[in-house]
Amino acid sequence: MCKYKEKTGDELVEEAKELGLSEDGWYEKTPSPFVAGSFREAALQARVREAKKARRENHLWIIAMISAIASLFSAIAAWIAALK
């Protein structure tokens, strides 16, 4: 079972700001401009999850590139060893 608990309230808002998420859609729109809409916590949690996932995936290309270069050097070494 996953024991990870998502942040809520002010902690969630701070995390979203740290990730650079836009504040659009954090609150439901109301018909009256004088009445504040309700906080859409579940929607913001989903956006934070997606932002974290995107940031993680963005760094994976570095690992893939290092792996490809290591494979290239291994292939060259094997080829040189086979020629001798």
C-alpha atoms as a PDB file:
ATOM      1  CA  MET A   1       0.000   0.000   0.000  1.00  0.00           C
ATOM      2  CA  CYS A   2       1.164   3.479  -0.745  1.00  0.00           C
ATOM      3  CA  LYS A   3       1.687   5.518   2.409  1.00  0.00           C
ATOM      4  CA  TYR A   4       2.188   8.789   0.554  1.00  0.00           C
ATOM      5  CA  LYS A   5      -0.244  11.461   1.668  1.00  0.00           C
ATOM      6  CA  GLU A   6      -0.829  14.419  -0.592  1.00  0.00           C
ATOM      7  CA  LYS A   7      -0.532  17.892   0.815  1.00  0.00           C
ATOM      8  CA  THR A   8      -3.641  19.923   1.498  1.00  0.00           C
ATOM      9  CA  GLY A   9      -4.543  23.524   2.256  1.00  0.00           C
ATOM     10  CA  ASP A  10      -1.704  26.027   2.604  1.00  0.00           C
ATOM     11  CA  GLU A  11       0.990  23.368   2.166  1.00  0.00           C
ATOM     12  CA  LEU A  12      -0.559  22.433  -1.180  1.00  0.00           C
ATOM     13  CA  VAL A  13      -0.701  26.054  -2.312  1.00  0.00           C
ATOM     14  CA  GLU A  14       2.946  26.607  -1.333  1.00  0.00           C
ATOM     15  CA  GLU A  15       4.040  23.474  -3.207  1.00  0.00           C
ATOM     16  CA  ALA A  16       2.104  24.556  -6.283  1.00  0.00           C
ATOM     17  CA  LYS A  17       3.768  27.964  -6.181  1.00  0.00           C
ATOM     18  CA  GLU A  18       7.219  26.360  -5.776  1.00  0.00           C
ATOM     19  CA  LEU A  19       6.532  24.252  -8.866  1.00  0.00           C
ATOM     20  CA  GLY A  20       5.560  27.405 -10.761  1.00  0.00           C
ATOM     21  CA  LEU A  21       1.954  26.452 -11.429  1.00  0.00           C
ATOM     22  CA  SER A  22      -0.456  29.103 -12.633  1.00  0.00           C
ATOM     23  CA  GLU A  23      -3.157  30.131 -10.171  1.00  0.00           C
ATOM     24  CA  ASP A  24      -5.854  29.848 -12.840  1.00  0.00           C
ATOM     25  CA  GLY A  25      -8.482  27.283 -11.902  1.00  0.00           C
ATOM     26  CA  TRP A  26      -7.615  27.065  -8.211  1.00  0.00           C
ATOM     27  CA  TYR A  27     -11.032  28.409  -7.302  1.00  0.00           C
ATOM     28  CA  GLU A  28     -14.411  27.660  -8.845  1.00  0.00           C
ATOM     29  CA  LYS A  29     -15.974  30.560 -10.684  1.00  0.00           C
ATOM     30  CA  THR A  30     -19.150  32.017  -9.231  1.00  0.00           C
ATOM     31  CA  PRO A  31     -21.866  33.969 -11.028  1.00  0.00           C
ATOM     32  CA  SER A  32     -21.212  36.992  -8.834  1.00  0.00           C
ATOM     33  CA  PRO A  33     -17.840  38.767  -8.862  1.00  0.00           C
ATOM     34  CA  PHE A  34     -18.397  39.675  -5.197  1.00  0.00           C
ATOM     35  CA  VAL A  35     -18.625  36.084  -3.952  1.00  0.00           C
ATOM     36  CA  ALA A  36     -15.441  34.049  -3.640  1.00  0.00           C
ATOM     37  CA  GLY A  37     -15.477  30.632  -5.255  1.00  0.00           C
ATOM     38  CA  SER A  38     -14.587  27.466  -3.393  1.00  0.00           C
ATOM     39  CA  PHE A  39     -11.041  26.118  -3.398  1.00  0.00           C
ATOM     40  CA  ARG A  40     -10.591  23.224  -5.846  1.00  0.00           C
ATOM     41  CA  GLU A  41      -8.145  21.180  -3.792  1.00  0.00           C
ATOM     42  CA  ALA A  42      -8.481  17.916  -5.737  1.00  0.00           C
ATOM     43  CA  ALA A  43      -7.869  19.690  -9.044  1.00  0.00           C
ATOM     44  CA  LEU A  44      -4.797  21.426  -7.655  1.00  0.00           C
ATOM     45  CA  GLN A  45      -3.474  18.145  -6.234  1.00  0.00           C
ATOM     46  CA  ALA A  46      -3.783  16.601  -9.698  1.00  0.00           C
ATOM     47  CA  ARG A  47      -1.913  19.534 -11.246  1.00  0.00           C
ATOM     48  CA  VAL A  48       0.852  19.240  -8.637  1.00  0.00           C
ATOM     49  CA  ARG A  49       1.145  15.490  -9.333  1.00  0.00           C
ATOM     50  CA  GLU A  50       1.427  16.145 -13.061  1.00  0.00           C
ATOM     51  CA  ALA A  51       4.014  18.896 -12.552  1.00  0.00           C
ATOM     52  CA  LYS A  52       6.144  16.613 -10.378  1.00  0.00           C
ATOM     53  CA  LYS A  53       5.846  13.823 -12.934  1.00  0.00           C
ATOM     54  CA  ALA A  54       6.835  16.146 -15.772  1.00  0.00           C
ATOM     55  CA  ARG A  55       9.838  17.426 -13.815  1.00  0.00           C
ATOM     56  CA  ARG A  56      10.940  13.851 -13.046  1.00  0.00           C
ATOM     57  CA  GLU A  57      10.528  12.750 -16.664  1.00  0.00           C
ATOM     58  CA  ASN A  58      12.378  15.811 -17.884  1.00  0.00           C
ATOM     59  CA  HIS A  59      15.487  14.660 -16.004  1.00  0.00           C
ATOM     60  CA  LEU A  60      15.301  11.081 -17.265  1.00  0.00           C
ATOM     61  CA  TRP A  61      16.762  11.990 -20.652  1.00  0.00           C
ATOM     62  CA  ILE A  62      20.116  12.605 -18.926  1.00  0.00           C
ATOM     63  CA  ILE A  63      20.168   9.052 -17.595  1.00  0.00           C
ATOM     64  CA  ALA A  64      19.180   7.711 -21.010  1.00  0.00           C
ATOM     65  CA  MET A  65      21.983   9.679 -22.679  1.00  0.00           C
ATOM     66  CA  ILE A  66      24.599   8.425 -20.206  1.00  0.00           C
ATOM     67  CA  SER A  67      23.376   4.868 -20.739  1.00  0.00           C
ATOM     68  CA  ALA A  68      23.598   5.248 -24.519  1.00  0.00           C
ATOM     69  CA  ILE A  69      27.131   6.642 -24.314  1.00  0.00           C
ATOM     70  CA  ALA A  70      28.217   3.820 -21.991  1.00  0.00           C
ATOM     71  CA  SER A  71      26.761   1.287 -24.435  1.00  0.00           C
ATOM     72  CA  LEU A  72      28.623   2.938 -27.300  1.00  0.00           C
ATOM     73  CA  PHE A  73      31.939   2.751 -25.444  1.00  0.00           C
ATOM     74  CA  SER A  74      31.250  -0.877 -24.531  1.00  0.00           C
ATOM     75  CA  ALA A  75      30.521  -1.739 -28.160  1.00  0.00           C
ATOM     76  CA  ILE A  76      33.692   0.003 -29.339  1.00  0.00           C
ATOM     77  CA  ALA A  77      35.767  -1.832 -26.717  1.00  0.00           C
ATOM     78  CA  ALA A  78      34.258  -5.168 -27.749  1.00  0.00           C
ATOM     79  CA  TRP A  79      34.877  -4.418 -31.409  1.00  0.00           C
ATOM     80  CA  ILE A  80      38.531  -3.492 -30.736  1.00  0.00           C
ATOM     81  CA  ALA A  81      38.974  -6.635 -28.635  1.00  0.00           C
ATOM     82  CA  ALA A  82      37.503  -8.768 -31.433  1.00  0.00           C
ATOM     83  CA  LEU A  83      39.889  -7.259 -33.993  1.00  0.00           C
ATOM     84  CA  LYS A  84      42.973  -8.131 -31.937  1.00  0.00           C
END
